[in-house]
Amino acid sequence: MASIILCLSLSFTWAQGEIKPVEGYRTQIGIMVDMLEEIKDLITEDVKDLNQEQTDYLLDDKANSIGAMIMHIAATEAYFQVETLEGRTWTAEEAEFWSIGGGLNDESRAKLKGKPISYYLDLWDQVRAKTLEGLKSKDDTWFASTVDEGINYHWAWFHVLKHTASHRGQISLVKSRIPQ
């Protein structure tokens, strides 16, 4: 029982405590922005001080580094941003740049190393700034409207959120296994 209370008290210490719309956005979009920003802040806080060896650490030969996972998160957000906010697909140049992080495969394991954690976090910051700008220009009617059969924009951005949260767990696992 004491461990449950300790866990809850620690989670309340680290969390903002409530979800509310961010000022400057329509209500539903502002709530999504609040959640997207919180998960990004939690990941950033957890990894911002990693050194190069920690950023590139591979748990095993099929694992992905923390740097590669941050690149993957940014690539996923960039994809949904272009598709939903700009109504287009990636250009050939964008696809070439982001696909290395999008795949999380042997190629990404070979190429996504040797860059400091700040490189990946800065890319994510740039993507997020563009996301926030795009979402600010939309309203809740748009957010609830259909992108494709059975999928609305709200669900698309919820997918970005849950995808990011899923990788937060992987990042925490990899970080906990880095040799001291």
N, C-alpha and C. Protein backbone atom coordinates (compact mmCIF):
# COMPACT_ATOMS: atom_id res chain seq x y z
N MET A 1 0.82 -1.19 0.00
CA MET A 1 0.00 0.00 0.00
C MET A 1 0.86 1.25 0.00
N ALA A 2 1.93 1.23 0.78
CA ALA A 2 2.82 2.40 0.85
C ALA A 2 3.46 2.67 -0.50
N SER A 3 3.78 1.59 -1.24
CA SER A 3 4.40 1.80 -2.56
C SER A 3 3.42 2.42 -3.55
N ILE A 4 2.14 2.08 -3.43
CA ILE A 4 1.12 2.68 -4.29
C ILE A 4 1.00 4.16 -4.00
N ILE A 5 0.96 4.51 -2.73
CA ILE A 5 0.86 5.92 -2.35
C ILE A 5 2.09 6.68 -2.84
N LEU A 6 3.27 6.08 -2.69
CA LEU A 6 4.49 6.72 -3.17
C LEU A 6 4.44 6.93 -4.67
N CYS A 7 4.02 5.92 -5.43
CA CYS A 7 3.93 6.05 -6.89
C CYS A 7 2.95 7.14 -7.29
N LEU A 8 1.78 7.16 -6.64
CA LEU A 8 0.79 8.19 -6.96
C LEU A 8 1.31 9.58 -6.63
N SER A 9 1.96 9.71 -5.48
CA SER A 9 2.46 11.03 -5.11
C SER A 9 3.56 11.48 -6.07
N LEU A 10 4.40 10.57 -6.53
CA LEU A 10 5.44 10.93 -7.50
C LEU A 10 4.82 11.30 -8.84
N SER A 11 3.79 10.56 -9.26
CA SER A 11 3.16 10.88 -10.54
C SER A 11 2.48 12.24 -10.48
N PHE A 12 1.90 12.59 -9.34
CA PHE A 12 1.28 13.90 -9.21
C PHE A 12 2.33 15.00 -9.18
N THR A 13 3.48 14.71 -8.63
CA THR A 13 4.56 15.69 -8.58
C THR A 13 5.04 16.00 -9.99
N TRP A 14 5.16 14.99 -10.85
CA TRP A 14 5.71 15.18 -12.19
C TRP A 14 4.66 15.64 -13.20
N ALA A 15 3.40 15.40 -12.92
CA ALA A 15 2.34 15.75 -13.87
C ALA A 15 1.78 17.13 -13.57
N GLN A 16 1.15 17.71 -14.57
CA GLN A 16 0.57 19.03 -14.36
C GLN A 16 -0.72 18.95 -13.55
N GLY A 17 -1.37 17.80 -13.50
CA GLY A 17 -2.52 17.61 -12.64
C GLY A 17 -3.87 17.77 -13.31
N GLU A 18 -3.94 18.45 -14.42
CA GLU A 18 -5.23 18.57 -15.11
C GLU A 18 -4.98 18.82 -16.59
N ILE A 19 -5.96 18.42 -17.36
CA ILE A 19 -5.92 18.65 -18.80
C ILE A 19 -6.91 19.76 -19.08
N LYS A 20 -6.43 20.81 -19.72
CA LYS A 20 -7.31 21.93 -20.05
C LYS A 20 -6.86 22.53 -21.37
N PRO A 21 -7.77 23.17 -22.07
CA PRO A 21 -7.42 23.73 -23.38
C PRO A 21 -6.35 24.81 -23.25
N VAL A 22 -5.40 24.77 -24.14
CA VAL A 22 -4.36 25.78 -24.19
C VAL A 22 -4.96 27.04 -24.81
N GLU A 23 -4.68 28.16 -24.21
CA GLU A 23 -5.20 29.44 -24.69
C GLU A 23 -4.70 29.69 -26.12
N GLY A 24 -5.60 30.24 -26.94
CA GLY A 24 -5.26 30.53 -28.33
C GLY A 24 -5.72 29.48 -29.31
N TYR A 25 -6.25 28.37 -28.77
CA TYR A 25 -6.76 27.28 -29.60
C TYR A 25 -8.24 27.07 -29.29
N ARG A 26 -8.96 26.50 -30.23
CA ARG A 26 -10.34 26.11 -29.97
C ARG A 26 -10.33 25.02 -28.90
N THR A 27 -11.43 24.83 -28.23
CA THR A 27 -11.48 23.98 -27.03
C THR A 27 -10.90 22.59 -27.25
N GLN A 28 -11.45 21.82 -28.18
CA GLN A 28 -10.99 20.44 -28.37
C GLN A 28 -9.55 20.37 -28.87
N ILE A 29 -9.20 21.26 -29.77
CA ILE A 29 -7.82 21.30 -30.26
C ILE A 29 -6.90 21.72 -29.13
N GLY A 30 -7.32 22.67 -28.32
CA GLY A 30 -6.50 23.12 -27.19
C GLY A 30 -6.25 22.03 -26.17
N ILE A 31 -7.22 21.16 -25.97
CA ILE A 31 -7.03 20.02 -25.08
C ILE A 31 -5.99 19.07 -25.67
N MET A 32 -6.08 18.81 -26.97
CA MET A 32 -5.09 17.94 -27.62
C MET A 32 -3.70 18.56 -27.54
N VAL A 33 -3.60 19.86 -27.77
CA VAL A 33 -2.31 20.54 -27.69
C VAL A 33 -1.73 20.40 -26.28
N ASP A 34 -2.57 20.55 -25.26
CA ASP A 34 -2.12 20.39 -23.88
C ASP A 34 -1.49 19.01 -23.67
N MET A 35 -2.14 17.98 -24.16
CA MET A 35 -1.64 16.62 -23.98
C MET A 35 -0.38 16.37 -24.82
N LEU A 36 -0.37 16.85 -26.06
CA LEU A 36 0.82 16.70 -26.90
C LEU A 36 2.02 17.38 -26.27
N GLU A 37 1.81 18.56 -25.73
CA GLU A 37 2.91 19.30 -25.11
C GLU A 37 3.39 18.62 -23.82
N GLU A 38 2.47 18.08 -23.04
CA GLU A 38 2.91 17.42 -21.81
C GLU A 38 3.75 16.19 -22.11
N ILE A 39 3.33 15.34 -23.04
CA ILE A 39 4.12 14.14 -23.32
C ILE A 39 5.48 14.52 -23.91
N LYS A 40 5.51 15.55 -24.74
CA LYS A 40 6.79 16.01 -25.29
C LYS A 40 7.70 16.54 -24.19
N ASP A 41 7.14 17.33 -23.27
CA ASP A 41 7.93 17.86 -22.16
C ASP A 41 8.49 16.73 -21.29
N LEU A 42 7.69 15.70 -21.03
CA LEU A 42 8.14 14.58 -20.21
C LEU A 42 9.30 13.85 -20.88
N ILE A 43 9.19 13.59 -22.17
CA ILE A 43 10.26 12.90 -22.88
C ILE A 43 11.50 13.77 -22.92
N THR A 44 11.33 15.04 -23.26
CA THR A 44 12.47 15.95 -23.36
C THR A 44 13.21 16.02 -22.03
N GLU A 45 12.48 16.18 -20.95
CA GLU A 45 13.10 16.26 -19.62
C GLU A 45 13.89 14.99 -19.31
N ASP A 46 13.37 13.86 -19.74
CA ASP A 46 14.00 12.57 -19.44
C ASP A 46 15.28 12.34 -20.24
N VAL A 47 15.41 12.94 -21.42
CA VAL A 47 16.55 12.61 -22.29
C VAL A 47 17.50 13.77 -22.57
N LYS A 48 17.16 14.97 -22.20
CA LYS A 48 17.92 16.15 -22.63
C LYS A 48 19.38 16.15 -22.22
N ASP A 49 19.74 15.43 -21.18
CA ASP A 49 21.11 15.43 -20.69
C ASP A 49 21.90 14.19 -21.08
N LEU A 50 21.37 13.39 -21.99
CA LEU A 50 22.09 12.18 -22.41
C LEU A 50 23.37 12.56 -23.15
N ASN A 51 24.42 11.78 -22.91
CA ASN A 51 25.64 11.99 -23.68
C ASN A 51 25.55 11.19 -24.98
N GLN A 52 26.59 11.26 -25.79
CA GLN A 52 26.55 10.61 -27.10
C GLN A 52 26.38 9.10 -26.99
N GLU A 53 27.12 8.49 -26.10
CA GLU A 53 27.03 7.04 -25.94
C GLU A 53 25.62 6.63 -25.53
N GLN A 54 25.01 7.39 -24.63
CA GLN A 54 23.65 7.09 -24.18
C GLN A 54 22.63 7.33 -25.29
N THR A 55 22.81 8.38 -26.06
CA THR A 55 21.90 8.71 -27.17
C THR A 55 21.89 7.60 -28.21
N ASP A 56 23.06 7.00 -28.46
CA ASP A 56 23.21 5.98 -29.50
C ASP A 56 23.10 4.55 -28.98
N TYR A 57 22.94 4.36 -27.69
CA TYR A 57 22.95 3.02 -27.11
C TYR A 57 21.88 2.12 -27.72
N LEU A 58 22.30 0.90 -28.07
CA LEU A 58 21.38 -0.12 -28.58
C LEU A 58 21.30 -1.26 -27.58
N LEU A 59 20.11 -1.55 -27.15
CA LEU A 59 19.87 -2.62 -26.19
C LEU A 59 20.30 -3.97 -26.76
N ASP A 60 20.05 -4.18 -28.04
CA ASP A 60 20.49 -5.37 -28.75
C ASP A 60 20.54 -5.04 -30.24
N ASP A 61 20.83 -6.02 -31.08
CA ASP A 61 21.02 -5.72 -32.51
C ASP A 61 19.73 -5.43 -33.28
N LYS A 62 18.59 -5.59 -32.64
CA LYS A 62 17.30 -5.26 -33.27
C LYS A 62 16.65 -4.03 -32.63
N ALA A 63 17.28 -3.51 -31.60
CA ALA A 63 16.71 -2.38 -30.85
C ALA A 63 17.00 -1.07 -31.57
N ASN A 64 16.34 -0.02 -31.12
CA ASN A 64 16.55 1.32 -31.64
C ASN A 64 17.11 2.20 -30.54
N SER A 65 17.97 3.11 -30.94
CA SER A 65 18.55 4.03 -29.97
C SER A 65 17.51 5.07 -29.55
N ILE A 66 17.79 5.76 -28.46
CA ILE A 66 16.91 6.82 -28.02
C ILE A 66 16.89 7.93 -29.06
N GLY A 67 18.03 8.26 -29.63
CA GLY A 67 18.07 9.26 -30.70
C GLY A 67 17.18 8.88 -31.87
N ALA A 68 17.25 7.61 -32.28
CA ALA A 68 16.44 7.14 -33.40
C ALA A 68 14.95 7.19 -33.05
N MET A 69 14.60 6.88 -31.81
CA MET A 69 13.18 6.93 -31.43
C MET A 69 12.66 8.37 -31.41
N ILE A 70 13.48 9.31 -30.98
CA ILE A 70 13.06 10.72 -31.02
C ILE A 70 12.87 11.14 -32.47
N MET A 71 13.79 10.73 -33.35
CA MET A 71 13.66 11.04 -34.78
C MET A 71 12.38 10.42 -35.33
N HIS A 72 12.07 9.21 -34.91
CA HIS A 72 10.86 8.52 -35.35
C HIS A 72 9.60 9.26 -34.89
N ILE A 73 9.60 9.71 -33.65
CA ILE A 73 8.46 10.47 -33.13
C ILE A 73 8.27 11.75 -33.94
N ALA A 74 9.37 12.45 -34.20
CA ALA A 74 9.30 13.69 -34.99
C ALA A 74 8.84 13.40 -36.41
N ALA A 75 9.32 12.31 -37.01
CA ALA A 75 8.92 11.95 -38.37
C ALA A 75 7.43 11.63 -38.44
N THR A 76 6.93 10.92 -37.45
CA THR A 76 5.50 10.59 -37.42
C THR A 76 4.66 11.85 -37.31
N GLU A 77 5.07 12.74 -36.43
CA GLU A 77 4.33 14.00 -36.29
C GLU A 77 4.40 14.82 -37.57
N ALA A 78 5.58 14.85 -38.20
CA ALA A 78 5.74 15.60 -39.45
C ALA A 78 4.83 15.03 -40.53
N TYR A 79 4.70 13.71 -40.58
CA TYR A 79 3.83 13.06 -41.55
C TYR A 79 2.37 13.48 -41.34
N PHE A 80 1.88 13.36 -40.10
CA PHE A 80 0.49 13.72 -39.82
C PHE A 80 0.26 15.21 -40.00
N GLN A 81 1.25 16.00 -39.70
CA GLN A 81 1.15 17.45 -39.88
C GLN A 81 0.91 17.80 -41.35
N VAL A 82 1.72 17.24 -42.22
CA VAL A 82 1.60 17.52 -43.65
C VAL A 82 0.28 16.97 -44.19
N GLU A 83 -0.06 15.76 -43.80
CA GLU A 83 -1.29 15.12 -44.29
C GLU A 83 -2.55 15.83 -43.81
N THR A 84 -2.59 16.17 -42.52
CA THR A 84 -3.84 16.70 -41.95
C THR A 84 -3.92 18.22 -41.97
N LEU A 85 -2.82 18.89 -41.69
CA LEU A 85 -2.86 20.35 -41.59
C LEU A 85 -2.62 21.04 -42.93
N GLU A 86 -1.84 20.40 -43.79
CA GLU A 86 -1.53 21.00 -45.08
C GLU A 86 -2.27 20.32 -46.23
N GLY A 87 -2.87 19.17 -45.98
CA GLY A 87 -3.64 18.47 -47.00
C GLY A 87 -2.83 18.00 -48.19
N ARG A 88 -1.62 17.54 -47.90
CA ARG A 88 -0.75 17.07 -48.98
C ARG A 88 0.10 15.91 -48.48
N THR A 89 0.86 15.33 -49.36
CA THR A 89 1.81 14.30 -48.98
C THR A 89 3.21 14.93 -48.95
N TRP A 90 4.15 14.18 -48.41
CA TRP A 90 5.52 14.67 -48.37
C TRP A 90 6.07 14.88 -49.78
N THR A 91 6.91 15.88 -49.92
CA THR A 91 7.67 16.05 -51.15
C THR A 91 8.73 14.95 -51.18
N ALA A 92 9.36 14.76 -52.30
CA ALA A 92 10.43 13.75 -52.39
C ALA A 92 11.55 14.06 -51.40
N GLU A 93 11.87 15.34 -51.26
CA GLU A 93 12.93 15.74 -50.33
C GLU A 93 12.54 15.46 -48.88
N GLU A 94 11.30 15.79 -48.53
CA GLU A 94 10.82 15.51 -47.17
C GLU A 94 10.80 14.00 -46.90
N ALA A 95 10.32 13.25 -47.86
CA ALA A 95 10.25 11.79 -47.70
C ALA A 95 11.63 11.20 -47.51
N GLU A 96 12.60 11.68 -48.27
CA GLU A 96 13.96 11.18 -48.13
C GLU A 96 14.52 11.48 -46.74
N PHE A 97 14.29 12.70 -46.26
CA PHE A 97 14.81 13.09 -44.95
C PHE A 97 14.13 12.31 -43.82
N TRP A 98 12.80 12.28 -43.82
CA TRP A 98 12.07 11.70 -42.70
C TRP A 98 11.97 10.19 -42.73
N SER A 99 12.08 9.57 -43.89
CA SER A 99 11.89 8.12 -43.96
C SER A 99 12.93 7.35 -43.16
N ILE A 100 14.12 7.91 -43.01
CA ILE A 100 15.14 7.22 -42.22
C ILE A 100 14.68 7.05 -40.77
N GLY A 101 13.98 8.03 -40.25
CA GLY A 101 13.46 7.93 -38.89
C GLY A 101 12.12 7.24 -38.83
N GLY A 102 11.39 7.28 -39.93
CA GLY A 102 10.06 6.68 -39.96
C GLY A 102 10.08 5.18 -39.87
N GLY A 103 11.13 4.56 -40.40
CA GLY A 103 11.16 3.11 -40.50
C GLY A 103 11.62 2.36 -39.27
N LEU A 104 12.56 2.92 -38.53
CA LEU A 104 13.18 2.21 -37.41
C LEU A 104 13.55 0.78 -37.82
N ASN A 105 14.55 0.71 -38.67
CA ASN A 105 14.98 -0.58 -39.21
C ASN A 105 16.51 -0.63 -39.24
N ASP A 106 17.07 -1.59 -39.96
CA ASP A 106 18.53 -1.72 -40.02
C ASP A 106 19.18 -0.46 -40.57
N GLU A 107 18.56 0.15 -41.58
CA GLU A 107 19.11 1.37 -42.15
C GLU A 107 19.14 2.50 -41.12
N SER A 108 18.06 2.66 -40.38
CA SER A 108 18.03 3.73 -39.37
C SER A 108 19.03 3.45 -38.25
N ARG A 109 19.19 2.17 -37.88
CA ARG A 109 20.18 1.84 -36.85
C ARG A 109 21.57 2.21 -37.32
N ALA A 110 21.85 2.03 -38.61
CA ALA A 110 23.17 2.35 -39.16
C ALA A 110 23.39 3.85 -39.31
N LYS A 111 22.35 4.57 -39.69
CA LYS A 111 22.51 5.99 -40.01
C LYS A 111 22.21 6.95 -38.88
N LEU A 112 21.33 6.57 -37.97
CA LEU A 112 20.94 7.49 -36.90
C LEU A 112 21.82 7.28 -35.67
N LYS A 113 23.04 7.71 -35.81
CA LYS A 113 23.99 7.67 -34.69
C LYS A 113 25.04 8.74 -34.93
N GLY A 114 25.69 9.10 -33.86
CA GLY A 114 26.75 10.10 -33.97
C GLY A 114 26.28 11.54 -33.87
N LYS A 115 24.99 11.73 -33.64
CA LYS A 115 24.44 13.07 -33.47
C LYS A 115 24.02 13.24 -32.02
N PRO A 116 24.24 14.41 -31.43
CA PRO A 116 23.86 14.61 -30.03
C PRO A 116 22.34 14.60 -29.86
N ILE A 117 21.90 14.33 -28.65
CA ILE A 117 20.46 14.30 -28.37
C ILE A 117 19.83 15.63 -28.74
N SER A 118 20.57 16.72 -28.62
CA SER A 118 20.01 18.03 -28.97
C SER A 118 19.63 18.11 -30.44
N TYR A 119 20.32 17.39 -31.31
CA TYR A 119 19.97 17.37 -32.74
C TYR A 119 18.54 16.86 -32.92
N TYR A 120 18.23 15.74 -32.28
CA TYR A 120 16.91 15.13 -32.41
C TYR A 120 15.84 15.97 -31.73
N LEU A 121 16.15 16.51 -30.55
CA LEU A 121 15.18 17.34 -29.84
C LEU A 121 14.91 18.64 -30.59
N ASP A 122 15.94 19.21 -31.21
CA ASP A 122 15.75 20.43 -32.01
C ASP A 122 14.86 20.16 -33.22
N LEU A 123 15.06 19.02 -33.88
CA LEU A 123 14.19 18.65 -35.01
C LEU A 123 12.74 18.53 -34.54
N TRP A 124 12.54 17.87 -33.41
CA TRP A 124 11.19 17.70 -32.87
C TRP A 124 10.60 19.06 -32.51
N ASP A 125 11.42 19.96 -31.95
CA ASP A 125 10.94 21.31 -31.63
C ASP A 125 10.46 22.03 -32.90
N GLN A 126 11.21 21.88 -33.97
CA GLN A 126 10.84 22.53 -35.24
C GLN A 126 9.53 21.97 -35.77
N VAL A 127 9.40 20.65 -35.73
CA VAL A 127 8.16 20.01 -36.18
C VAL A 127 7.00 20.47 -35.31
N ARG A 128 7.19 20.48 -33.99
CA ARG A 128 6.12 20.84 -33.08
C ARG A 128 5.70 22.30 -33.29
N ALA A 129 6.64 23.19 -33.51
CA ALA A 129 6.29 24.60 -33.73
C ALA A 129 5.36 24.73 -34.94
N LYS A 130 5.66 23.97 -35.98
CA LYS A 130 4.82 24.01 -37.18
C LYS A 130 3.45 23.36 -36.91
N THR A 131 3.44 22.29 -36.13
CA THR A 131 2.18 21.65 -35.74
C THR A 131 1.30 22.63 -34.97
N LEU A 132 1.88 23.30 -33.99
CA LEU A 132 1.11 24.23 -33.16
C LEU A 132 0.57 25.38 -34.00
N GLU A 133 1.38 25.87 -34.91
CA GLU A 133 0.92 26.94 -35.81
C GLU A 133 -0.24 26.47 -36.67
N GLY A 134 -0.14 25.26 -37.20
CA GLY A 134 -1.21 24.71 -38.02
C GLY A 134 -2.48 24.45 -37.25
N LEU A 135 -2.35 23.89 -36.05
CA LEU A 135 -3.53 23.61 -35.23
C LEU A 135 -4.21 24.89 -34.78
N LYS A 136 -3.43 25.94 -34.57
CA LYS A 136 -4.01 27.22 -34.14
C LYS A 136 -4.93 27.79 -35.21
N SER A 137 -4.67 27.44 -36.46
CA SER A 137 -5.48 27.98 -37.56
C SER A 137 -6.76 27.17 -37.81
N LYS A 138 -6.94 26.08 -37.08
CA LYS A 138 -8.10 25.21 -37.28
C LYS A 138 -9.13 25.42 -36.17
N ASP A 139 -10.34 24.93 -36.42
CA ASP A 139 -11.38 25.02 -35.39
C ASP A 139 -11.88 23.61 -35.05
N ASP A 140 -12.74 23.55 -34.03
CA ASP A 140 -13.21 22.24 -33.57
C ASP A 140 -14.11 21.54 -34.57
N THR A 141 -14.77 22.28 -35.45
CA THR A 141 -15.57 21.65 -36.51
C THR A 141 -14.63 20.88 -37.44
N TRP A 142 -13.53 21.50 -37.82
CA TRP A 142 -12.51 20.82 -38.64
C TRP A 142 -12.00 19.59 -37.90
N PHE A 143 -11.68 19.75 -36.59
CA PHE A 143 -11.11 18.67 -35.79
C PHE A 143 -12.01 17.44 -35.78
N ALA A 144 -13.32 17.67 -35.76
CA ALA A 144 -14.28 16.57 -35.73
C ALA A 144 -14.63 16.04 -37.12
N SER A 145 -14.17 16.72 -38.15
CA SER A 145 -14.54 16.30 -39.51
C SER A 145 -13.71 15.11 -39.97
N THR A 146 -14.22 14.44 -40.99
CA THR A 146 -13.65 13.19 -41.47
C THR A 146 -12.48 13.43 -42.42
N VAL A 147 -11.39 12.73 -42.14
CA VAL A 147 -10.21 12.73 -43.02
C VAL A 147 -10.43 11.69 -44.10
N ASP A 148 -10.83 10.54 -43.66
CA ASP A 148 -11.05 9.38 -44.52
C ASP A 148 -12.17 8.59 -43.87
N GLU A 149 -12.69 7.62 -44.56
CA GLU A 149 -13.82 6.87 -44.02
C GLU A 149 -13.48 6.31 -42.64
N GLY A 150 -14.24 6.73 -41.63
CA GLY A 150 -14.05 6.24 -40.28
C GLY A 150 -12.94 6.90 -39.48
N ILE A 151 -12.29 7.91 -40.06
CA ILE A 151 -11.18 8.58 -39.37
C ILE A 151 -11.40 10.08 -39.41
N ASN A 152 -11.40 10.70 -38.22
CA ASN A 152 -11.48 12.15 -38.22
C ASN A 152 -10.13 12.74 -37.77
N TYR A 153 -10.00 14.05 -37.89
CA TYR A 153 -8.75 14.71 -37.54
C TYR A 153 -8.42 14.55 -36.06
N HIS A 154 -9.44 14.53 -35.22
CA HIS A 154 -9.22 14.32 -33.80
C HIS A 154 -8.54 12.97 -33.56
N TRP A 155 -9.04 11.94 -34.21
CA TRP A 155 -8.44 10.62 -34.05
C TRP A 155 -7.01 10.62 -34.58
N ALA A 156 -6.76 11.28 -35.71
CA ALA A 156 -5.41 11.32 -36.27
C ALA A 156 -4.42 11.90 -35.27
N TRP A 157 -4.81 13.00 -34.62
CA TRP A 157 -3.90 13.62 -33.65
C TRP A 157 -3.86 12.84 -32.34
N PHE A 158 -4.94 12.14 -32.00
CA PHE A 158 -4.89 11.22 -30.87
C PHE A 158 -3.88 10.11 -31.17
N HIS A 159 -3.85 9.64 -32.40
CA HIS A 159 -2.88 8.62 -32.80
C HIS A 159 -1.46 9.13 -32.59
N VAL A 160 -1.17 10.36 -32.97
CA VAL A 160 0.15 10.95 -32.74
C VAL A 160 0.47 10.93 -31.24
N LEU A 161 -0.51 11.31 -30.43
CA LEU A 161 -0.32 11.33 -28.98
C LEU A 161 -0.02 9.94 -28.43
N LYS A 162 -0.83 8.94 -28.77
CA LYS A 162 -0.62 7.60 -28.22
C LYS A 162 0.65 6.98 -28.77
N HIS A 163 0.99 7.29 -30.00
CA HIS A 163 2.24 6.81 -30.59
C HIS A 163 3.44 7.36 -29.81
N THR A 164 3.38 8.64 -29.51
CA THR A 164 4.45 9.27 -28.74
C THR A 164 4.54 8.67 -27.34
N ALA A 165 3.40 8.46 -26.70
CA ALA A 165 3.38 7.87 -25.36
C ALA A 165 3.95 6.46 -25.37
N SER A 166 3.65 5.70 -26.41
CA SER A 166 4.18 4.36 -26.53
C SER A 166 5.71 4.39 -26.60
N HIS A 167 6.24 5.30 -27.39
CA HIS A 167 7.70 5.39 -27.50
C HIS A 167 8.32 5.95 -26.23
N ARG A 168 7.57 6.72 -25.46
CA ARG A 168 8.11 7.17 -24.16
C ARG A 168 8.44 5.96 -23.29
N GLY A 169 7.57 4.96 -23.32
CA GLY A 169 7.84 3.75 -22.56
C GLY A 169 9.08 3.04 -23.06
N GLN A 170 9.24 2.95 -24.36
CA GLN A 170 10.44 2.31 -24.92
C GLN A 170 11.70 3.09 -24.56
N ILE A 171 11.61 4.41 -24.64
CA ILE A 171 12.76 5.26 -24.29
C ILE A 171 13.14 5.03 -22.83
N SER A 172 12.15 4.97 -21.95
CA SER A 172 12.42 4.73 -20.52
C SER A 172 13.08 3.38 -20.31
N LEU A 173 12.62 2.36 -21.01
CA LEU A 173 13.22 1.03 -20.90
C LEU A 173 14.68 1.07 -21.36
N VAL A 174 14.93 1.62 -22.54
CA VAL A 174 16.31 1.67 -23.05
C VAL A 174 17.18 2.47 -22.09
N LYS A 175 16.70 3.59 -21.64
CA LYS A 175 17.49 4.42 -20.72
C LYS A 175 17.82 3.67 -19.45
N SER A 176 16.87 2.87 -18.94
CA SER A 176 17.12 2.13 -17.71
C SER A 176 18.13 1.00 -17.90
N ARG A 177 18.37 0.60 -19.13
CA ARG A 177 19.30 -0.51 -19.42
C ARG A 177 20.68 -0.04 -19.87
N ILE A 178 20.88 1.26 -19.99
CA ILE A 178 22.19 1.78 -20.40
C ILE A 178 23.19 1.44 -19.30
N PRO A 179 24.28 0.78 -19.66
CA PRO A 179 25.29 0.45 -18.63
C PRO A 179 25.81 1.71 -17.95
N GLN A 180 25.97 1.61 -16.65
CA GLN A 180 26.46 2.76 -15.87
C GLN A 180 27.97 2.82 -15.84
